[in-house]
Protein backbone atom coordinates (compact mmCIF):
# COMPACT_ATOMS: atom_id res chain seq x y z
CA MET A 1 118.77 113.69 82.06
CA HIS A 2 120.66 113.24 85.28
CA GLU A 3 120.81 110.48 87.90
CA THR A 4 118.74 111.13 90.92
CA TRP A 5 119.83 108.31 93.23
CA THR A 6 121.64 109.15 96.49
CA TYR A 7 124.42 107.39 98.40
CA SER A 8 122.14 106.78 101.33
CA TRP A 9 119.63 105.09 98.98
CA ALA A 10 122.36 102.93 97.44
CA ILE A 11 123.83 101.99 100.79
CA ARG A 12 120.44 101.03 102.27
CA ASN A 13 119.50 98.88 99.22
CA ILE A 14 122.99 97.15 99.10
CA ILE A 15 122.70 96.21 102.85
CA ALA A 16 119.16 94.87 102.13
CA GLU A 17 120.40 92.74 99.27
CA LEU A 18 123.31 91.45 101.40
CA LEU A 19 120.73 89.99 103.79
CA MET A 20 118.96 88.23 100.89
CA PRO A 21 119.82 84.86 99.26
CA PRO A 22 122.08 84.14 97.51
CA SER A 23 124.10 87.20 98.58
CA ILE A 24 123.93 86.35 102.26
CA TRP A 25 125.45 82.77 101.66
CA ILE A 26 128.08 84.21 99.37
CA ALA A 27 129.05 86.75 101.96
CA LEU A 28 129.21 83.96 104.60
CA ALA A 29 131.62 82.01 102.33
CA LEU A 30 133.82 85.05 101.68
CA PHE A 31 133.91 85.76 105.42
CA ALA A 32 135.21 82.25 106.07
CA LEU A 33 137.82 82.53 103.26
CA ILE A 34 139.10 86.01 104.45
CA PHE A 35 139.07 85.60 108.13
CA PHE A 36 140.16 81.93 108.37
CA ARG A 37 143.29 81.86 106.37
CA LYS A 38 144.47 78.52 107.65
CA PRO A 39 142.42 75.36 106.97
CA SER A 40 140.10 74.54 109.85
CA LYS A 41 137.01 72.62 110.54
CA LEU A 42 135.04 75.78 111.05
CA LYS A 43 136.20 77.25 107.75
CA THR A 44 135.23 74.16 105.87
CA THR A 45 131.93 73.86 107.66
CA LEU A 46 131.04 77.55 106.82
CA ILE A 47 131.89 77.27 103.19
CA GLY A 48 130.14 73.97 102.80
CA PHE A 49 127.00 75.26 104.50
CA SER A 50 127.10 78.30 102.22
CA LEU A 51 127.24 76.15 99.15
CA VAL A 52 124.42 73.85 100.29
CA MET A 53 122.22 76.88 101.25
CA ILE A 54 122.80 78.50 97.82
CA TRP A 55 121.66 75.23 96.22
CA MET A 56 118.67 74.66 98.56
CA THR A 57 117.20 78.29 98.58
CA SER A 58 117.27 78.18 94.76
CA THR A 59 115.00 75.20 94.41
CA THR A 60 111.23 75.19 93.92
CA ALA A 61 110.98 72.41 96.61
CA PHE A 62 112.59 74.64 99.21
CA SER A 63 110.54 77.72 98.20
CA GLN A 64 107.31 75.71 98.72
CA TRP A 65 108.44 74.33 102.04
CA PHE A 66 109.51 77.87 103.04
CA TYR A 67 106.07 79.22 102.07
CA GLN A 68 104.31 76.69 104.26
CA VAL A 69 106.62 77.06 107.27
CA SER A 70 106.46 81.00 107.09
CA ASP A 71 102.70 80.91 107.23
CA HIS A 72 103.16 80.63 111.01
CA TRP A 73 104.56 84.22 111.12
CA LEU A 74 103.15 85.81 108.02
CA HIS A 75 99.60 84.24 107.87
CA TRP A 76 99.26 83.99 104.07
CA PRO A 77 95.77 85.07 102.77
CA GLN A 78 93.49 82.92 100.70
CA PRO A 79 92.59 83.89 97.19
CA ILE A 80 89.37 85.84 96.58
CA ASP A 81 86.41 84.16 94.81
CA LEU A 82 85.35 86.54 92.12
CA THR A 83 82.18 84.57 91.43
CA GLU A 84 81.05 84.91 95.05
CA LEU A 85 82.18 88.63 94.98
CA ALA A 86 79.95 89.31 92.00
CA LYS A 87 76.94 87.82 93.80
CA GLN A 88 77.69 89.92 96.91
CA GLU A 89 78.18 93.04 94.77
CA LYS A 90 74.66 92.78 93.47
CA SER A 91 73.13 92.72 96.96
CA GLU A 92 75.21 95.64 98.33
CA SER A 93 73.63 99.04 98.67
CA SER A 94 74.85 101.88 96.47
CA SER A 95 75.55 103.99 99.62
CA LYS A 96 77.95 101.29 100.98
CA LYS A 97 79.74 101.06 97.56
CA ASN A 98 80.31 104.81 97.50
CA HIS A 99 82.82 104.40 100.26
CA GLN A 100 84.72 101.47 98.63
CA ALA A 101 87.60 101.57 96.13
CA ILE A 102 90.23 99.27 94.60
CA VAL A 103 93.87 99.97 95.36
CA ILE A 104 96.54 98.40 93.16
CA LEU A 105 100.14 98.48 94.43
CA GLY A 106 103.09 98.83 92.06
CA SER A 107 105.64 96.11 91.52
CA GLY A 108 108.41 97.80 89.56
CA ILE A 109 109.19 99.25 86.18
CA ARG A 110 111.15 97.61 83.40
CA ALA A 111 113.54 100.17 82.05
CA GLY A 112 114.96 100.05 78.57
CA ALA A 113 111.80 98.87 76.86
CA LYS A 114 112.79 99.91 73.45
CA GLU A 115 109.71 98.33 71.84
CA ILE A 116 107.37 100.88 73.37
CA PRO A 117 108.96 104.43 72.94
CA GLU A 118 105.39 105.94 73.47
CA TYR A 119 105.87 104.95 77.18
CA GLN A 120 109.35 106.62 77.27
CA ASN A 121 110.95 103.29 76.72
CA GLN A 122 109.57 102.02 80.01
CA ASP A 123 107.04 99.24 80.81
CA VAL A 124 105.47 97.76 83.98
CA SER A 125 107.22 94.66 85.32
CA THR A 126 105.75 91.25 84.94
CA GLY A 127 104.62 91.44 88.55
CA ALA A 128 103.00 94.79 88.11
CA MET A 129 101.22 93.55 84.93
CA GLU A 130 99.79 90.64 86.95
CA ARG A 131 98.47 93.18 89.54
CA LEU A 132 96.89 95.41 86.89
CA ARG A 133 95.17 92.52 85.30
CA MET A 134 93.66 91.41 88.63
CA GLY A 135 92.68 95.03 89.38
CA ALA A 136 90.93 95.21 85.99
CA ARG A 137 89.05 91.94 86.73
CA MET A 138 88.15 93.35 90.15
CA ALA A 139 86.91 96.64 88.66
CA LYS A 140 84.70 94.80 86.06
CA THR A 141 83.24 92.57 88.80
CA THR A 142 82.50 95.27 91.52
CA HIS A 143 82.30 98.45 89.35
CA LEU A 144 84.41 100.26 92.02
CA PRO A 145 86.88 103.00 91.26
CA ILE A 146 90.62 102.28 91.01
CA LEU A 147 93.58 103.93 92.74
CA VAL A 148 96.96 102.98 91.53
CA THR A 149 100.05 103.82 93.63
CA GLY A 150 103.79 103.92 92.85
CA GLY A 151 106.53 106.54 92.46
CA ARG A 152 110.16 106.16 91.28
CA PRO A 153 111.77 103.95 93.88
CA ASP A 154 114.68 103.06 91.64
CA LYS A 155 115.67 106.68 91.16
CA VAL A 156 117.62 106.32 87.99
CA LYS A 157 116.69 109.30 85.75
CA SER A 158 114.89 112.36 86.90
CA ASP A 159 112.45 112.26 83.83
CA ASP A 160 111.42 108.67 84.16
CA LEU A 161 107.69 108.17 84.36
CA PRO A 162 106.47 107.51 87.89
CA GLU A 163 105.22 104.00 88.20
CA GLY A 164 101.64 105.18 89.12
CA LYS A 165 101.23 107.09 85.83
CA LEU A 166 102.58 104.19 83.79
CA MET A 167 100.24 101.79 85.63
CA ALA A 168 97.29 104.00 84.85
CA THR A 169 98.37 104.30 81.18
CA VAL A 170 98.53 100.50 80.80
CA LEU A 171 95.18 100.03 82.64
CA GLU A 172 93.40 102.57 80.37
CA LYS A 173 95.04 101.92 77.00
CA GLU A 174 95.62 98.20 77.19
CA LEU A 175 93.15 96.77 79.66
CA HIS A 176 90.41 99.33 78.82
CA THR A 177 89.79 99.98 82.55
CA PRO A 178 89.48 103.54 83.86
CA VAL A 179 91.62 104.87 86.77
CA LYS A 180 90.01 107.24 89.17
CA TRP A 181 93.16 108.33 91.20
CA VAL A 182 96.88 108.16 90.53
CA GLU A 183 99.35 108.31 93.58
CA ASP A 184 102.75 108.68 92.05
CA HIS A 185 105.08 110.11 94.81
CA SER A 186 105.51 107.01 96.99
CA ASN A 187 108.76 104.94 96.98
CA THR A 188 108.02 102.39 99.70
CA THR A 189 104.99 100.31 100.81
CA GLN A 190 104.76 102.55 103.83
CA GLU A 191 104.37 105.56 101.61
CA ASN A 192 102.14 103.78 99.35
CA ALA A 193 99.69 103.49 102.25
CA GLN A 194 100.26 107.00 103.68
CA PHE A 195 99.79 108.87 100.33
CA SER A 196 96.99 106.63 99.10
CA ALA A 197 95.07 106.93 102.37
CA LYS A 198 95.09 110.70 102.15
CA ILE A 199 93.60 110.71 98.71
CA LEU A 200 91.06 108.04 99.57
CA LYS A 201 89.90 109.76 102.75
CA GLN A 202 89.43 113.08 100.95
CA ASN A 203 87.05 111.16 98.75
CA GLN A 204 85.18 109.49 101.70
CA ILE A 205 86.54 106.10 100.90
CA ASP A 206 87.06 103.98 104.04
CA THR A 207 87.07 100.39 102.67
CA ILE A 208 89.49 99.07 100.01
CA TYR A 209 90.00 95.96 97.97
CA LEU A 210 93.96 95.83 98.17
CA VAL A 211 95.47 94.17 95.13
CA THR A 212 99.06 92.77 95.45
CA HIS A 213 100.98 89.48 95.42
CA VAL A 214 100.24 86.98 98.11
CA TRP A 215 103.84 87.22 99.51
CA HIS A 216 103.43 91.06 99.75
CA MET A 217 99.90 90.97 101.21
CA PRO A 218 100.41 90.42 104.97
CA ARG A 219 102.71 93.41 105.42
CA SER A 220 100.78 95.63 102.94
CA GLN A 221 97.40 94.87 104.67
CA ARG A 222 98.70 95.72 108.07
CA ILE A 223 100.30 99.06 106.84
CA PHE A 224 97.09 100.17 105.13
CA GLU A 225 94.94 99.23 108.16
CA LYS A 226 97.36 101.42 110.27
CA GLU A 227 96.28 104.31 108.10
CA GLY A 228 92.71 103.81 109.22
CA LEU A 229 91.38 101.95 106.18
CA GLN A 230 89.37 98.63 106.21
CA VAL A 231 91.24 96.29 103.94
CA ILE A 232 89.78 93.40 101.96
CA PRO A 233 92.84 91.54 100.62
CA VAL A 234 92.93 90.46 96.91
CA PRO A 235 96.07 88.33 96.79
CA LEU A 236 97.46 86.81 93.56
CA GLY A 237 100.52 84.91 92.34
CA TYR A 238 100.18 81.56 94.04
CA HIS A 239 102.73 78.97 92.94
CA TYR A 240 101.86 75.84 94.81
CA LYS A 241 102.90 72.76 92.82
CA SER A 242 102.01 69.15 93.60
CA PRO A 243 103.47 66.65 93.13
CA LEU A 244 107.03 67.73 93.00
CA THR A 245 109.46 66.29 90.33
CA PRO A 246 113.17 65.72 90.55
CA LEU A 247 113.61 69.00 88.64
CA ASP A 248 112.09 70.87 91.52
CA TYR A 249 115.13 69.89 93.69
CA VAL A 250 117.59 71.45 91.20
CA PRO A 251 118.50 75.14 91.46
CA LYS A 252 116.57 77.34 89.17
CA GLY A 253 115.96 81.09 88.88
CA ASP A 254 112.31 80.76 89.52
CA GLY A 255 112.85 78.89 92.78
CA LEU A 256 115.25 81.47 93.99
CA THR A 257 112.82 84.27 93.07
CA LYS A 258 110.10 82.68 95.13
CA THR A 259 112.40 82.13 98.07
CA ARG A 260 113.62 85.78 97.96
CA GLU A 261 110.05 87.04 97.89
CA ILE A 262 109.15 85.22 101.09
CA TRP A 263 112.60 86.08 102.73
CA HIS A 264 112.08 89.75 101.91
CA GLU A 265 108.73 89.76 103.59
CA LEU A 266 110.10 88.06 106.72
CA LEU A 267 112.84 90.83 106.92
CA GLY A 268 110.10 93.36 106.21
CA LYS A 269 108.07 92.12 109.12
CA VAL A 270 111.04 92.43 111.48
CA TRP A 271 111.90 95.92 110.21
CA TYR A 272 108.41 97.31 110.46
CA GLU A 273 107.97 95.75 113.86
CA PHE A 274 111.08 97.59 114.92
CA ARG A 275 110.39 100.80 113.10
CA PHE A 276 106.62 101.32 113.28
């Protein structure tokens, strides 16, 4: 087994991480310490601001406020009603359903899963399992075929299972849900859409139920639509909490994770506007 990552991949991901909290605030504080050797009001302000932002962006209260504010740019989708979908499915013609499918996007692999050697000591991430569970529910409601998509974006070992194959295995063996197509070469959301669209169009599919987390949906939907597919969003992973408690103003890993998810999508929106 040999490593397959490249320096360009590593540099690109390090830069991306440095633009995310808490790295961006730590970098700002280090900048102030290194370039302002003598005590000054600006130096104190930058370090103080960095510490406050590390605290704030790690709280559940901030992540919920950030979610609401960012709706102006990202337009978060509403959850799908499976009960209403089941009623709609009964009334749809079989000819229309023949051109529809469910697409489940990958969300990462957990390496070093020693408890499941039959999967080459790999497992789908918690986020990926949430998507697979929703995809299975969708399939049982609509009776539509499933496409799973995901390659090896982390590029650690050359013989690691592609995420798409691992997702299909979990769906079929653990959730007892058949998978029609496996796309296992994509390493980005853009490639998810490009490679999946090719498979779908070859099979006369023009409409998809796209399964991914709510924070990932706006960008994903737009990218798949650019590939000529009609997209019906199936978002999941809502975390709205009301009322807030004093603990929601204290830094926690969960609060930071939610903030990072939204922050990542805002950066992604800017990048895709520039690139595509």
